[in-house]
Amino acid sequence: ASHQVINSQAMWEAVSGMENAGKGIKVAIIDGGIRPENPMFTDAGFTAPSGNLPSDDYCSTVDASFCNNKLIVARWSQPTFPVCADEYMSPLGFGGHGTHVAGTAVGNKVSTTFKEIPVELSGVAPAAYLMVYKALYSKADCTGGSGSNIMLMEALEHAVNDGADVINNSWGGGAGGDPASSPYKTMFEAAEAAGVVV
């Protein structure tokens, strides 16, 4: 239903079909990690971009099977506060928000059922590559998703240095804050000056 609200169809027609939406674009999701086994992130029909990928991310140094030809980079920031005992100290998602956001942005087209009704789902740009930066964690009481400035700024810096074309931040600070005084203002402006859409 949300595709109708934002008129994804018009964009898909402009790029000659949904299957081309986001093709060649690297989208970084800074959030709560990812469940790479989700079918929205399989790599059928994808070839990872050659060169310019980091050699020090989680997939390069710990578990190559975590990534594939669609999910091309994964990192995680060390929490600076107590987190849920069940949380993963890796890019693996715990609370589901990061996987949801990644699916919304770049998820492959999939078919499923909801209340016994067949449904087709996809992200807005299913042909895009996915880069995952876990910088939000469930708090010690195992609720919500939180990240400190240090964690989130580290993720932003990594995403730019890793070659992201787009950085998605589905998180924010307290209500009523003035964006002009945000510690992220300078970072966002620098990323945009480097050609990254934030």
N, C-alpha and C. Protein backbone atom coordinates (compact mmCIF):
# COMPACT_ATOMS: atom_id res chain seq x y z
N ALA A 1 0.83 -1.21 0.00
CA ALA A 1 0.00 0.00 0.00
C ALA A 1 0.86 1.26 0.00
N SER A 2 2.00 1.22 0.66
CA SER A 2 2.83 2.42 0.73
C SER A 2 3.43 2.78 -0.63
N HIS A 3 3.62 1.80 -1.50
CA HIS A 3 4.11 2.11 -2.85
C HIS A 3 3.12 3.03 -3.59
N GLN A 4 1.83 2.82 -3.34
CA GLN A 4 0.83 3.69 -3.97
C GLN A 4 0.90 5.09 -3.38
N VAL A 5 1.13 5.19 -2.07
CA VAL A 5 1.18 6.50 -1.41
C VAL A 5 2.33 7.35 -1.95
N ILE A 6 3.51 6.74 -2.14
CA ILE A 6 4.67 7.51 -2.60
C ILE A 6 4.86 7.46 -4.12
N ASN A 7 3.95 6.77 -4.81
CA ASN A 7 3.97 6.68 -6.27
C ASN A 7 5.25 6.06 -6.80
N SER A 8 5.62 4.92 -6.22
CA SER A 8 6.80 4.19 -6.70
C SER A 8 6.67 3.83 -8.17
N GLN A 9 5.46 3.54 -8.61
CA GLN A 9 5.24 3.10 -9.99
C GLN A 9 5.80 4.10 -11.00
N ALA A 10 5.63 5.39 -10.74
CA ALA A 10 6.13 6.40 -11.67
C ALA A 10 7.64 6.35 -11.77
N MET A 11 8.30 6.16 -10.62
CA MET A 11 9.77 6.04 -10.63
C MET A 11 10.19 4.77 -11.36
N TRP A 12 9.49 3.66 -11.09
CA TRP A 12 9.83 2.42 -11.76
C TRP A 12 9.68 2.55 -13.28
N GLU A 13 8.64 3.23 -13.72
CA GLU A 13 8.45 3.44 -15.17
C GLU A 13 9.58 4.30 -15.73
N ALA A 14 10.05 5.26 -14.96
CA ALA A 14 11.13 6.15 -15.43
C ALA A 14 12.45 5.41 -15.62
N VAL A 15 12.62 4.28 -14.90
CA VAL A 15 13.87 3.50 -15.04
C VAL A 15 13.63 2.18 -15.77
N SER A 16 12.52 2.12 -16.51
CA SER A 16 12.17 0.94 -17.32
C SER A 16 11.91 -0.30 -16.48
N GLY A 17 11.25 -0.12 -15.35
CA GLY A 17 10.78 -1.27 -14.58
C GLY A 17 11.38 -1.38 -13.19
N MET A 18 10.59 -1.95 -12.28
CA MET A 18 11.01 -2.16 -10.90
C MET A 18 12.35 -2.89 -10.82
N GLU A 19 12.57 -3.82 -11.73
CA GLU A 19 13.80 -4.63 -11.69
C GLU A 19 15.06 -3.78 -11.91
N ASN A 20 14.91 -2.55 -12.36
CA ASN A 20 16.07 -1.66 -12.57
C ASN A 20 16.19 -0.57 -11.50
N ALA A 21 15.22 -0.50 -10.60
CA ALA A 21 15.21 0.58 -9.61
C ALA A 21 16.37 0.44 -8.63
N GLY A 22 17.27 1.39 -8.66
CA GLY A 22 18.43 1.37 -7.77
C GLY A 22 19.63 0.63 -8.33
N LYS A 23 19.55 0.15 -9.54
CA LYS A 23 20.63 -0.66 -10.11
C LYS A 23 21.97 0.06 -10.03
N GLY A 24 22.94 -0.61 -9.43
CA GLY A 24 24.28 -0.07 -9.31
C GLY A 24 24.48 0.89 -8.14
N ILE A 25 23.41 1.23 -7.43
CA ILE A 25 23.48 2.17 -6.30
C ILE A 25 23.75 1.39 -5.01
N LYS A 26 24.64 1.94 -4.19
CA LYS A 26 24.98 1.31 -2.90
C LYS A 26 24.27 2.09 -1.79
N VAL A 27 23.34 1.41 -1.11
CA VAL A 27 22.53 2.03 -0.07
C VAL A 27 22.98 1.52 1.30
N ALA A 28 23.42 2.45 2.14
CA ALA A 28 23.83 2.12 3.51
C ALA A 28 22.65 2.32 4.45
N ILE A 29 22.37 1.32 5.27
CA ILE A 29 21.32 1.42 6.28
C ILE A 29 22.00 1.45 7.65
N ILE A 30 21.90 2.57 8.33
CA ILE A 30 22.43 2.69 9.69
C ILE A 30 21.26 2.47 10.63
N ASP A 31 21.27 1.33 11.31
CA ASP A 31 20.10 0.96 12.10
C ASP A 31 20.48 -0.15 13.08
N GLY A 32 19.59 -1.10 13.28
CA GLY A 32 19.77 -2.14 14.29
C GLY A 32 20.27 -3.46 13.75
N GLY A 33 20.94 -3.45 12.59
CA GLY A 33 21.47 -4.69 12.04
C GLY A 33 20.52 -5.31 11.03
N ILE A 34 20.84 -6.52 10.62
CA ILE A 34 20.11 -7.17 9.52
C ILE A 34 19.98 -8.66 9.77
N ARG A 35 18.93 -9.25 9.24
CA ARG A 35 18.79 -10.71 9.18
C ARG A 35 19.08 -11.08 7.72
N PRO A 36 20.33 -11.47 7.42
CA PRO A 36 20.71 -11.67 6.02
C PRO A 36 19.99 -12.84 5.36
N GLU A 37 19.41 -13.73 6.16
CA GLU A 37 18.71 -14.88 5.57
C GLU A 37 17.33 -14.51 5.02
N ASN A 38 16.87 -13.29 5.28
CA ASN A 38 15.58 -12.85 4.79
C ASN A 38 15.60 -12.89 3.25
N PRO A 39 14.56 -13.45 2.63
CA PRO A 39 14.56 -13.56 1.16
C PRO A 39 14.61 -12.22 0.44
N MET A 40 14.30 -11.14 1.12
CA MET A 40 14.39 -9.83 0.48
C MET A 40 15.83 -9.43 0.19
N PHE A 41 16.80 -10.19 0.75
CA PHE A 41 18.22 -9.84 0.57
C PHE A 41 19.02 -10.93 -0.13
N THR A 42 18.35 -11.86 -0.81
CA THR A 42 19.08 -12.86 -1.58
C THR A 42 19.74 -12.18 -2.77
N ASP A 43 20.76 -12.84 -3.33
CA ASP A 43 21.55 -12.17 -4.37
C ASP A 43 21.37 -12.74 -5.76
N ALA A 44 20.28 -13.46 -6.00
CA ALA A 44 20.03 -13.97 -7.35
C ALA A 44 19.98 -12.81 -8.33
N GLY A 45 20.79 -12.90 -9.38
CA GLY A 45 20.83 -11.86 -10.40
C GLY A 45 21.76 -10.70 -10.07
N PHE A 46 22.39 -10.73 -8.92
CA PHE A 46 23.32 -9.66 -8.52
C PHE A 46 24.76 -10.11 -8.71
N THR A 47 25.62 -9.18 -9.07
CA THR A 47 27.07 -9.37 -9.06
C THR A 47 27.64 -8.25 -8.22
N ALA A 48 28.35 -8.59 -7.16
CA ALA A 48 28.91 -7.56 -6.28
C ALA A 48 29.81 -6.64 -7.08
N PRO A 49 29.80 -5.35 -6.75
CA PRO A 49 30.68 -4.42 -7.47
C PRO A 49 32.14 -4.80 -7.26
N SER A 50 32.91 -4.69 -8.31
CA SER A 50 34.33 -5.06 -8.19
C SER A 50 35.13 -3.88 -7.66
N GLY A 51 36.06 -4.17 -6.78
CA GLY A 51 36.91 -3.13 -6.21
C GLY A 51 36.15 -2.20 -5.28
N ASN A 52 36.86 -1.36 -4.59
CA ASN A 52 36.30 -0.33 -3.72
C ASN A 52 35.43 -0.83 -2.58
N LEU A 53 35.45 -2.12 -2.27
CA LEU A 53 34.75 -2.62 -1.10
C LEU A 53 35.77 -2.74 0.03
N PRO A 54 35.34 -2.51 1.27
CA PRO A 54 36.29 -2.56 2.38
C PRO A 54 36.84 -3.96 2.60
N SER A 55 38.06 -4.01 3.12
CA SER A 55 38.68 -5.30 3.45
C SER A 55 38.71 -5.51 4.95
N ASP A 56 38.06 -4.61 5.71
CA ASP A 56 38.09 -4.71 7.16
C ASP A 56 36.70 -4.77 7.80
N ASP A 57 35.65 -5.02 6.99
CA ASP A 57 34.32 -5.13 7.57
C ASP A 57 34.10 -6.54 8.11
N TYR A 58 32.93 -6.79 8.69
CA TYR A 58 32.61 -8.07 9.32
C TYR A 58 32.71 -9.22 8.32
N CYS A 59 32.24 -9.00 7.11
CA CYS A 59 32.24 -10.07 6.11
C CYS A 59 33.65 -10.41 5.64
N SER A 60 34.53 -9.42 5.64
CA SER A 60 35.91 -9.66 5.20
C SER A 60 36.78 -10.26 6.29
N THR A 61 36.43 -10.01 7.56
CA THR A 61 37.33 -10.41 8.65
C THR A 61 36.78 -11.50 9.56
N VAL A 62 35.44 -11.68 9.58
CA VAL A 62 34.86 -12.64 10.53
C VAL A 62 34.06 -13.73 9.85
N ASP A 63 33.08 -13.35 9.02
CA ASP A 63 32.16 -14.33 8.45
C ASP A 63 31.77 -13.92 7.03
N ALA A 64 32.46 -14.48 6.06
CA ALA A 64 32.21 -14.13 4.65
C ALA A 64 30.79 -14.50 4.22
N SER A 65 30.21 -15.52 4.86
CA SER A 65 28.88 -15.98 4.46
C SER A 65 27.78 -15.01 4.90
N PHE A 66 28.10 -14.05 5.76
CA PHE A 66 27.10 -13.08 6.20
C PHE A 66 26.68 -12.20 5.03
N CYS A 67 27.62 -11.90 4.14
CA CYS A 67 27.33 -11.06 2.97
C CYS A 67 27.11 -11.93 1.74
N ASN A 68 26.64 -11.30 0.68
CA ASN A 68 26.49 -11.98 -0.60
C ASN A 68 26.63 -10.91 -1.70
N ASN A 69 26.17 -11.19 -2.88
CA ASN A 69 26.34 -10.24 -3.99
C ASN A 69 25.36 -9.06 -3.94
N LYS A 70 24.39 -9.09 -3.03
CA LYS A 70 23.49 -7.94 -2.80
C LYS A 70 23.88 -7.23 -1.51
N LEU A 71 24.01 -7.99 -0.44
CA LEU A 71 24.44 -7.44 0.86
C LEU A 71 25.97 -7.43 0.85
N ILE A 72 26.55 -6.28 0.52
CA ILE A 72 27.98 -6.25 0.17
C ILE A 72 28.91 -5.77 1.29
N VAL A 73 28.36 -5.14 2.33
CA VAL A 73 29.18 -4.66 3.45
C VAL A 73 28.37 -4.80 4.73
N ALA A 74 29.01 -5.20 5.81
CA ALA A 74 28.34 -5.24 7.12
C ALA A 74 29.33 -4.85 8.20
N ARG A 75 28.90 -3.96 9.07
CA ARG A 75 29.73 -3.53 10.21
C ARG A 75 28.84 -3.37 11.44
N TRP A 76 29.47 -3.33 12.60
CA TRP A 76 28.73 -3.04 13.82
C TRP A 76 29.59 -2.18 14.73
N SER A 77 28.93 -1.32 15.48
CA SER A 77 29.60 -0.44 16.43
C SER A 77 29.48 -1.03 17.83
N GLN A 78 30.56 -0.98 18.57
CA GLN A 78 30.55 -1.45 19.96
C GLN A 78 29.62 -0.56 20.79
N PRO A 79 28.64 -1.13 21.49
CA PRO A 79 27.74 -0.29 22.30
C PRO A 79 28.51 0.44 23.41
N THR A 80 28.07 1.65 23.68
CA THR A 80 28.69 2.45 24.74
C THR A 80 27.80 2.50 25.98
N PHE A 81 26.81 1.61 26.04
CA PHE A 81 25.87 1.55 27.17
C PHE A 81 25.41 0.10 27.32
N PRO A 82 24.84 -0.27 28.48
CA PRO A 82 24.37 -1.65 28.67
C PRO A 82 23.25 -1.99 27.69
N VAL A 83 23.36 -3.18 27.09
CA VAL A 83 22.35 -3.60 26.12
C VAL A 83 21.71 -4.91 26.59
N CYS A 84 20.66 -5.31 25.91
CA CYS A 84 19.95 -6.55 26.22
C CYS A 84 20.93 -7.72 26.19
N ALA A 85 20.82 -8.60 27.14
CA ALA A 85 21.73 -9.76 27.22
C ALA A 85 21.63 -10.65 25.99
N ASP A 86 20.50 -10.61 25.30
CA ASP A 86 20.31 -11.45 24.11
C ASP A 86 20.78 -10.79 22.82
N GLU A 87 21.21 -9.53 22.89
CA GLU A 87 21.68 -8.82 21.70
C GLU A 87 22.89 -9.52 21.09
N TYR A 88 23.10 -9.28 19.80
CA TYR A 88 24.23 -9.85 19.08
C TYR A 88 25.33 -8.81 18.94
N MET A 89 26.53 -9.18 19.31
CA MET A 89 27.68 -8.30 19.10
C MET A 89 28.25 -8.61 17.72
N SER A 90 27.48 -8.22 16.73
CA SER A 90 27.77 -8.45 15.32
C SER A 90 26.74 -7.63 14.54
N PRO A 91 26.80 -7.62 13.22
CA PRO A 91 25.78 -6.89 12.44
C PRO A 91 24.42 -7.58 12.43
N LEU A 92 24.31 -8.77 13.06
CA LEU A 92 23.05 -9.51 13.05
C LEU A 92 21.99 -8.73 13.80
N GLY A 93 20.82 -8.58 13.18
CA GLY A 93 19.73 -7.83 13.78
C GLY A 93 19.06 -8.59 14.89
N PHE A 94 18.65 -7.87 15.92
CA PHE A 94 17.95 -8.47 17.06
C PHE A 94 16.50 -8.03 17.11
N GLY A 95 16.25 -6.74 17.08
CA GLY A 95 14.90 -6.22 17.27
C GLY A 95 14.04 -6.18 16.03
N GLY A 96 14.61 -6.29 14.85
CA GLY A 96 13.83 -6.33 13.61
C GLY A 96 13.74 -5.01 12.86
N HIS A 97 14.02 -3.89 13.52
CA HIS A 97 13.85 -2.60 12.87
C HIS A 97 14.79 -2.41 11.68
N GLY A 98 16.06 -2.80 11.84
CA GLY A 98 17.01 -2.64 10.74
C GLY A 98 16.64 -3.47 9.52
N THR A 99 16.17 -4.68 9.75
CA THR A 99 15.75 -5.54 8.64
C THR A 99 14.53 -4.94 7.95
N HIS A 100 13.60 -4.42 8.75
CA HIS A 100 12.40 -3.78 8.20
C HIS A 100 12.78 -2.58 7.32
N VAL A 101 13.66 -1.73 7.83
CA VAL A 101 14.08 -0.54 7.09
C VAL A 101 14.80 -0.92 5.81
N ALA A 102 15.71 -1.89 5.89
CA ALA A 102 16.44 -2.33 4.70
C ALA A 102 15.49 -2.90 3.65
N GLY A 103 14.50 -3.67 4.10
CA GLY A 103 13.52 -4.22 3.18
C GLY A 103 12.70 -3.14 2.50
N THR A 104 12.34 -2.11 3.25
CA THR A 104 11.59 -0.98 2.70
C THR A 104 12.39 -0.26 1.62
N ALA A 105 13.68 -0.10 1.87
CA ALA A 105 14.51 0.65 0.93
C ALA A 105 14.89 -0.18 -0.29
N VAL A 106 15.48 -1.35 -0.08
CA VAL A 106 16.09 -2.09 -1.19
C VAL A 106 15.68 -3.56 -1.27
N GLY A 107 14.65 -3.95 -0.53
CA GLY A 107 14.26 -5.36 -0.51
C GLY A 107 13.84 -5.88 -1.86
N ASN A 108 14.26 -7.12 -2.16
CA ASN A 108 13.84 -7.79 -3.38
C ASN A 108 12.33 -8.01 -3.36
N LYS A 109 11.76 -8.17 -4.53
CA LYS A 109 10.34 -8.52 -4.64
C LYS A 109 10.14 -9.94 -4.13
N VAL A 110 9.21 -10.11 -3.19
CA VAL A 110 8.91 -11.43 -2.63
C VAL A 110 7.40 -11.61 -2.57
N SER A 111 6.98 -12.85 -2.52
CA SER A 111 5.56 -13.18 -2.36
C SER A 111 5.38 -13.89 -1.04
N THR A 112 4.29 -13.56 -0.36
CA THR A 112 3.98 -14.19 0.92
C THR A 112 2.47 -14.18 1.10
N THR A 113 2.00 -14.59 2.25
CA THR A 113 0.58 -14.49 2.55
C THR A 113 0.40 -13.72 3.84
N PHE A 114 -0.65 -12.93 3.91
CA PHE A 114 -1.01 -12.19 5.12
C PHE A 114 -2.48 -12.43 5.37
N LYS A 115 -2.79 -13.06 6.51
CA LYS A 115 -4.17 -13.41 6.83
C LYS A 115 -4.80 -14.20 5.69
N GLU A 116 -4.02 -15.17 5.17
CA GLU A 116 -4.44 -16.08 4.10
C GLU A 116 -4.65 -15.39 2.76
N ILE A 117 -4.16 -14.15 2.62
CA ILE A 117 -4.28 -13.43 1.34
C ILE A 117 -2.89 -13.34 0.72
N PRO A 118 -2.72 -13.77 -0.54
CA PRO A 118 -1.42 -13.63 -1.19
C PRO A 118 -1.04 -12.15 -1.34
N VAL A 119 0.21 -11.85 -1.01
CA VAL A 119 0.69 -10.47 -1.06
C VAL A 119 2.07 -10.44 -1.71
N GLU A 120 2.32 -9.44 -2.56
CA GLU A 120 3.66 -9.21 -3.10
C GLU A 120 4.24 -7.98 -2.42
N LEU A 121 5.49 -8.09 -1.97
CA LEU A 121 6.18 -7.01 -1.29
C LEU A 121 7.49 -6.72 -2.00
N SER A 122 7.96 -5.48 -1.89
CA SER A 122 9.30 -5.16 -2.37
C SER A 122 9.72 -3.84 -1.75
N GLY A 123 11.02 -3.59 -1.80
CA GLY A 123 11.52 -2.28 -1.46
C GLY A 123 11.28 -1.33 -2.62
N VAL A 124 11.60 -0.07 -2.41
CA VAL A 124 11.43 0.93 -3.46
C VAL A 124 12.49 0.73 -4.54
N ALA A 125 13.70 0.35 -4.14
CA ALA A 125 14.81 0.19 -5.09
C ALA A 125 15.40 -1.22 -4.97
N PRO A 126 14.67 -2.23 -5.42
CA PRO A 126 15.12 -3.61 -5.20
C PRO A 126 16.39 -4.00 -5.95
N ALA A 127 16.80 -3.23 -6.93
CA ALA A 127 18.02 -3.58 -7.67
C ALA A 127 19.28 -3.01 -7.01
N ALA A 128 19.11 -2.25 -5.91
CA ALA A 128 20.26 -1.62 -5.26
C ALA A 128 21.03 -2.61 -4.40
N TYR A 129 22.30 -2.29 -4.18
CA TYR A 129 23.13 -3.03 -3.23
C TYR A 129 22.81 -2.55 -1.81
N LEU A 130 23.07 -3.42 -0.85
CA LEU A 130 22.80 -3.13 0.56
C LEU A 130 24.10 -3.14 1.36
N MET A 131 24.27 -2.09 2.16
CA MET A 131 25.40 -1.97 3.10
C MET A 131 24.79 -1.77 4.48
N VAL A 132 25.19 -2.58 5.45
CA VAL A 132 24.55 -2.57 6.77
C VAL A 132 25.52 -2.09 7.84
N TYR A 133 25.05 -1.16 8.67
CA TYR A 133 25.84 -0.60 9.77
C TYR A 133 24.99 -0.65 11.04
N LYS A 134 25.31 -1.60 11.91
CA LYS A 134 24.53 -1.73 13.14
C LYS A 134 25.08 -0.77 14.19
N ALA A 135 24.26 0.24 14.52
CA ALA A 135 24.65 1.22 15.53
C ALA A 135 23.51 1.49 16.51
N LEU A 136 22.44 0.71 16.40
CA LEU A 136 21.32 0.79 17.34
C LEU A 136 21.16 -0.58 18.00
N TYR A 137 20.97 -0.58 19.30
CA TYR A 137 20.87 -1.82 20.08
C TYR A 137 19.68 -1.75 21.02
N SER A 138 19.09 -2.91 21.31
CA SER A 138 18.04 -2.96 22.33
C SER A 138 18.67 -2.68 23.69
N LYS A 139 18.00 -1.86 24.47
CA LYS A 139 18.52 -1.46 25.77
C LYS A 139 18.55 -2.64 26.74
N ALA A 140 19.13 -2.44 27.91
CA ALA A 140 19.31 -3.52 28.89
C ALA A 140 18.01 -4.23 29.22
N ASP A 141 16.88 -3.51 29.17
CA ASP A 141 15.58 -4.15 29.46
C ASP A 141 14.99 -4.82 28.21
N CYS A 142 15.79 -4.90 27.15
CA CYS A 142 15.43 -5.58 25.89
C CYS A 142 14.28 -4.89 25.15
N THR A 143 14.18 -3.57 25.31
CA THR A 143 13.18 -2.81 24.57
C THR A 143 13.86 -1.76 23.72
N GLY A 144 13.14 -1.30 22.72
CA GLY A 144 13.58 -0.18 21.90
C GLY A 144 14.87 -0.40 21.17
N GLY A 145 15.33 0.66 20.55
CA GLY A 145 16.61 0.65 19.85
C GLY A 145 17.30 1.98 20.10
N SER A 146 18.50 1.93 20.62
CA SER A 146 19.22 3.16 20.96
C SER A 146 20.65 3.08 20.48
N GLY A 147 21.19 4.25 20.21
CA GLY A 147 22.60 4.36 19.84
C GLY A 147 23.14 5.67 20.36
N SER A 148 24.39 5.68 20.75
CA SER A 148 25.01 6.92 21.21
C SER A 148 25.57 7.69 20.01
N ASN A 149 25.88 8.96 20.23
CA ASN A 149 26.48 9.76 19.16
C ASN A 149 27.74 9.11 18.62
N ILE A 150 28.57 8.58 19.51
CA ILE A 150 29.83 7.94 19.08
C ILE A 150 29.55 6.78 18.14
N MET A 151 28.58 5.94 18.47
CA MET A 151 28.26 4.77 17.64
C MET A 151 27.72 5.20 16.28
N LEU A 152 26.79 6.13 16.29
CA LEU A 152 26.14 6.55 15.06
C LEU A 152 27.10 7.34 14.17
N MET A 153 27.94 8.16 14.77
CA MET A 153 28.92 8.91 13.97
C MET A 153 29.96 7.98 13.37
N GLU A 154 30.35 6.95 14.11
CA GLU A 154 31.27 5.96 13.55
C GLU A 154 30.65 5.29 12.33
N ALA A 155 29.38 4.92 12.44
CA ALA A 155 28.69 4.27 11.32
C ALA A 155 28.61 5.20 10.11
N LEU A 156 28.30 6.47 10.34
CA LEU A 156 28.25 7.44 9.25
C LEU A 156 29.60 7.56 8.55
N GLU A 157 30.64 7.64 9.34
CA GLU A 157 31.99 7.76 8.75
C GLU A 157 32.35 6.52 7.94
N HIS A 158 32.05 5.35 8.49
CA HIS A 158 32.32 4.11 7.74
C HIS A 158 31.55 4.08 6.43
N ALA A 159 30.27 4.44 6.48
CA ALA A 159 29.43 4.37 5.27
C ALA A 159 29.99 5.25 4.16
N VAL A 160 30.40 6.46 4.51
CA VAL A 160 30.99 7.35 3.50
C VAL A 160 32.30 6.76 2.98
N ASN A 161 33.16 6.33 3.88
CA ASN A 161 34.46 5.77 3.47
C ASN A 161 34.32 4.47 2.68
N ASP A 162 33.24 3.71 2.93
CA ASP A 162 33.02 2.45 2.22
C ASP A 162 32.40 2.66 0.84
N GLY A 163 32.06 3.90 0.50
CA GLY A 163 31.56 4.19 -0.84
C GLY A 163 30.07 4.19 -1.01
N ALA A 164 29.31 4.39 0.06
CA ALA A 164 27.85 4.45 -0.07
C ALA A 164 27.44 5.60 -0.98
N ASP A 165 26.41 5.37 -1.78
CA ASP A 165 25.82 6.43 -2.59
C ASP A 165 24.68 7.11 -1.84
N VAL A 166 24.01 6.33 -0.99
CA VAL A 166 22.87 6.80 -0.20
C VAL A 166 23.06 6.28 1.21
N ILE A 167 22.77 7.12 2.21
CA ILE A 167 22.79 6.67 3.61
C ILE A 167 21.41 6.92 4.19
N ASN A 168 20.78 5.85 4.68
CA ASN A 168 19.47 5.94 5.30
C ASN A 168 19.63 5.91 6.82
N ASN A 169 19.05 6.91 7.47
CA ASN A 169 19.05 7.00 8.93
C ASN A 169 17.60 7.05 9.41
N SER A 170 17.02 5.91 9.74
CA SER A 170 15.65 5.90 10.25
C SER A 170 15.68 5.95 11.77
N TRP A 171 16.29 7.01 12.29
CA TRP A 171 16.42 7.22 13.73
C TRP A 171 16.52 8.72 13.96
N GLY A 172 16.32 9.15 15.18
CA GLY A 172 16.37 10.57 15.47
C GLY A 172 16.52 10.83 16.95
N GLY A 173 16.67 12.08 17.30
CA GLY A 173 16.85 12.47 18.69
C GLY A 173 15.54 12.84 19.33
N GLY A 174 15.61 13.61 20.41
CA GLY A 174 14.42 14.00 21.15
C GLY A 174 13.57 14.99 20.39
N ALA A 175 12.29 14.97 20.66
CA ALA A 175 11.36 15.90 20.02
C ALA A 175 11.72 17.32 20.40
N GLY A 176 11.58 18.23 19.44
CA GLY A 176 11.82 19.64 19.72
C GLY A 176 13.25 20.09 19.56
N GLY A 177 14.15 19.17 19.20
CA GLY A 177 15.54 19.54 19.01
C GLY A 177 15.72 20.40 17.76
N ASP A 178 16.68 21.28 17.78
CA ASP A 178 16.96 22.14 16.64
C ASP A 178 18.02 21.49 15.76
N PRO A 179 17.68 21.10 14.53
CA PRO A 179 18.67 20.46 13.66
C PRO A 179 19.93 21.28 13.46
N ALA A 180 19.83 22.60 13.54
CA ALA A 180 20.99 23.46 13.33
C ALA A 180 22.05 23.26 14.41
N SER A 181 21.63 22.80 15.59
CA SER A 181 22.60 22.58 16.67
C SER A 181 22.91 21.10 16.87
N SER A 182 22.47 20.26 15.95
CA SER A 182 22.72 18.82 16.05
C SER A 182 24.20 18.53 15.83
N PRO A 183 24.75 17.57 16.60
CA PRO A 183 26.14 17.19 16.35
C PRO A 183 26.33 16.51 14.99
N TYR A 184 25.23 16.11 14.35
CA TYR A 184 25.30 15.43 13.06
C TYR A 184 25.31 16.41 11.88
N LYS A 185 24.97 17.66 12.13
CA LYS A 185 24.83 18.64 11.04
C LYS A 185 26.08 18.69 10.16
N THR A 186 27.24 18.84 10.77
CA THR A 186 28.49 18.95 10.02
C THR A 186 28.78 17.65 9.27
N MET A 187 28.50 16.50 9.91
CA MET A 187 28.75 15.21 9.25
C MET A 187 27.86 15.03 8.03
N PHE A 188 26.57 15.35 8.17
CA PHE A 188 25.65 15.22 7.05
C PHE A 188 26.07 16.13 5.90
N GLU A 189 26.43 17.36 6.23
CA GLU A 189 26.86 18.30 5.19
C GLU A 189 28.12 17.82 4.48
N ALA A 190 29.06 17.26 5.26
CA ALA A 190 30.30 16.75 4.66
C ALA A 190 30.01 15.55 3.76
N ALA A 191 29.11 14.67 4.20
CA ALA A 191 28.75 13.51 3.38
C ALA A 191 28.11 13.97 2.08
N GLU A 192 27.20 14.93 2.18
CA GLU A 192 26.54 15.43 0.97
C GLU A 192 27.54 16.11 0.05
N ALA A 193 28.50 16.83 0.62
CA ALA A 193 29.53 17.47 -0.20
C ALA A 193 30.38 16.44 -0.92
N ALA A 194 30.49 15.24 -0.34
CA ALA A 194 31.24 14.14 -0.96
C ALA A 194 30.40 13.39 -1.99
N GLY A 195 29.16 13.83 -2.20
CA GLY A 195 28.30 13.22 -3.22
C GLY A 195 27.37 12.15 -2.71
N VAL A 196 27.23 12.04 -1.39
CA VAL A 196 26.36 11.02 -0.81
C VAL A 196 25.00 11.65 -0.50
N VAL A 197 23.92 10.96 -0.84
CA VAL A 197 22.59 11.41 -0.48
C VAL A 197 22.29 10.88 0.92
N VAL A 198 22.03 11.78 1.86
CA VAL A 198 21.74 11.39 3.25
C VAL A 198 20.27 11.58 3.52
